Amino acid sequence: MYVRFQGLRQNDTSGSRLGLFQLAFELRDEGDLPPYLHEQLVLHLEWLKEHLKSPQILNEKEHHRAISWFQHRAKKPLEHVRAIKAILEDAGYNIEQIETRDPGIVIYEDGWQVVAKPRR
């Protein structure tokens, strides 16, 4: 089983909804968060940056439709992601958690996540 967190806004490049990380970086850089929430957001993002690989395949033009999913066994990263979800929701973003057994055509995988192109 795979899990993804996404907002309601659509990504112009992929056509999919913006993922939690895109929204979190936007809020971190441009949002008007109270200092304690901003600090918490930064701490969770820094932990994830240190412990979670950022698949470079997402930057390749031919994979513009690909989206990231967490594997259910990614317990520690998911704790941080759920904390970020709560911060985003406090800031007014609607974040949904979706799950699937078939994320699409997997083009990258590590112990905690996959990147997949949605099936047409």
Protein backbone atom coordinates (compact mmCIF):
# COMPACT_ATOMS: atom_id res chain seq x y z
CA MET A 1 0.00 0.00 0.00
CA TYR A 2 1.20 3.51 -0.85
CA VAL A 3 0.16 6.83 0.66
CA ARG A 4 0.32 10.37 -0.69
CA PHE A 5 -0.51 13.75 0.80
CA GLN A 6 -1.72 16.44 -1.56
CA GLY A 7 -3.48 19.76 -1.68
CA LEU A 8 -6.36 20.86 -3.84
CA ARG A 9 -4.38 23.04 -6.29
CA GLN A 10 -3.25 21.44 -9.51
CA ASN A 11 0.37 21.31 -10.62
CA ASP A 12 0.59 23.03 -14.01
CA THR A 13 3.37 20.69 -15.17
CA SER A 14 2.06 17.27 -14.15
CA GLY A 15 -1.68 17.89 -14.05
CA SER A 16 -1.75 16.20 -10.64
CA ARG A 17 -2.54 17.98 -7.43
CA LEU A 18 0.36 19.70 -5.67
CA GLY A 19 2.06 17.44 -3.19
CA LEU A 20 2.61 18.23 0.46
CA PHE A 21 6.28 19.11 -0.03
CA GLN A 22 5.58 21.67 -2.75
CA LEU A 23 3.02 23.32 -0.51
CA ALA A 24 5.26 23.13 2.56
CA PHE A 25 8.17 24.81 0.76
CA GLU A 26 5.80 27.51 -0.50
CA LEU A 27 4.53 28.13 3.02
CA ARG A 28 8.04 28.06 4.49
CA ASP A 29 9.31 30.62 1.98
CA GLU A 30 6.29 32.87 1.48
CA GLY A 31 3.75 32.06 4.15
CA ASP A 32 2.70 34.21 7.04
CA LEU A 33 3.08 31.66 9.81
CA PRO A 34 3.39 32.45 13.48
CA PRO A 35 7.07 32.02 14.45
CA TYR A 36 6.51 28.83 16.47
CA LEU A 37 4.74 27.13 13.53
CA HIS A 38 7.37 28.31 11.07
CA GLU A 39 10.07 26.88 13.35
CA GLN A 40 8.24 23.54 13.58
CA LEU A 41 7.75 23.41 9.81
CA VAL A 42 11.45 24.06 9.22
CA LEU A 43 12.47 21.40 11.76
CA HIS A 44 10.30 18.74 10.10
CA LEU A 45 11.49 19.70 6.61
CA GLU A 46 15.12 19.60 7.74
CA TRP A 47 14.69 16.14 9.25
CA LEU A 48 13.18 14.89 6.02
CA LYS A 49 15.90 16.53 3.93
CA GLU A 50 18.55 14.80 6.02
CA HIS A 51 16.92 11.35 6.09
CA LEU A 52 14.85 11.09 2.90
CA LYS A 53 16.32 10.96 -0.57
CA SER A 54 15.10 13.56 -3.02
CA PRO A 55 14.72 11.59 -6.27
CA GLN A 56 16.47 13.55 -9.02
CA ILE A 57 14.34 11.71 -11.55
CA LEU A 58 11.55 14.17 -10.69
CA ASN A 59 13.61 16.94 -12.33
CA GLU A 60 13.88 15.13 -15.65
CA LYS A 61 11.63 16.53 -18.37
CA GLU A 62 10.38 13.15 -19.55
CA HIS A 63 9.07 12.40 -16.05
CA HIS A 64 7.07 15.61 -15.58
CA ARG A 65 3.90 13.62 -14.82
CA ALA A 66 5.54 11.49 -12.12
CA ILE A 67 4.42 11.85 -8.51
CA SER A 68 5.82 10.59 -5.22
CA TRP A 69 4.22 8.13 -2.83
CA PHE A 70 5.30 6.88 0.58
CA GLN A 71 5.37 3.21 1.37
CA HIS A 72 3.42 2.33 4.52
CA ARG A 73 6.58 1.00 6.16
CA ALA A 74 8.07 4.54 6.16
CA LYS A 75 6.95 5.04 9.77
CA LYS A 76 9.42 7.74 10.91
CA PRO A 77 9.17 9.87 7.72
CA LEU A 78 5.38 9.60 7.85
CA GLU A 79 5.39 10.96 11.42
CA HIS A 80 7.13 14.11 10.12
CA VAL A 81 4.90 14.33 7.06
CA ARG A 82 1.77 14.12 9.21
CA ALA A 83 3.14 16.90 11.44
CA ILE A 84 3.70 19.03 8.31
CA LYS A 85 0.16 18.20 7.19
CA ALA A 86 -1.18 19.54 10.50
CA ILE A 87 0.85 22.76 10.13
CA LEU A 88 -0.38 23.26 6.56
CA GLU A 89 -3.97 22.71 7.66
CA ASP A 90 -3.52 25.24 10.48
CA ALA A 91 -2.35 27.68 7.80
CA GLY A 92 -5.54 27.13 5.77
CA TYR A 93 -4.42 24.53 3.23
CA ASN A 94 -6.71 21.59 2.59
CA ILE A 95 -4.55 18.47 2.57
CA GLU A 96 -5.90 15.06 1.71
CA GLN A 97 -4.31 11.71 2.34
CA ILE A 98 -4.88 9.21 -0.43
CA GLU A 99 -3.88 5.56 -0.56
CA THR A 100 -3.48 3.09 -3.38
CA ARG A 101 -2.16 -0.36 -4.11
CA ASP A 102 -1.16 0.75 -7.62
CA PRO A 103 0.68 4.09 -7.78
CA GLY A 104 1.27 3.73 -11.52
CA ILE A 105 4.41 2.91 -13.46
CA VAL A 106 7.20 2.98 -10.87
CA ILE A 107 10.32 4.77 -12.14
CA TYR A 108 12.13 5.13 -8.80
CA GLU A 109 11.99 3.24 -5.52
CA ASP A 110 13.90 3.24 -2.26
CA GLY A 111 13.07 1.85 1.17
CA TRP A 112 10.52 4.55 1.99
CA GLN A 113 9.09 5.95 -1.23
CA VAL A 114 8.34 5.42 -4.87
CA VAL A 115 8.01 7.79 -7.78
CA ALA A 116 5.50 6.68 -10.37
CA LYS A 117 3.88 7.92 -13.54
CA PRO A 118 0.11 7.69 -13.33
CA ARG A 119 -1.49 5.21 -15.70
CA ARG A 120 -3.56 6.84 -18.40
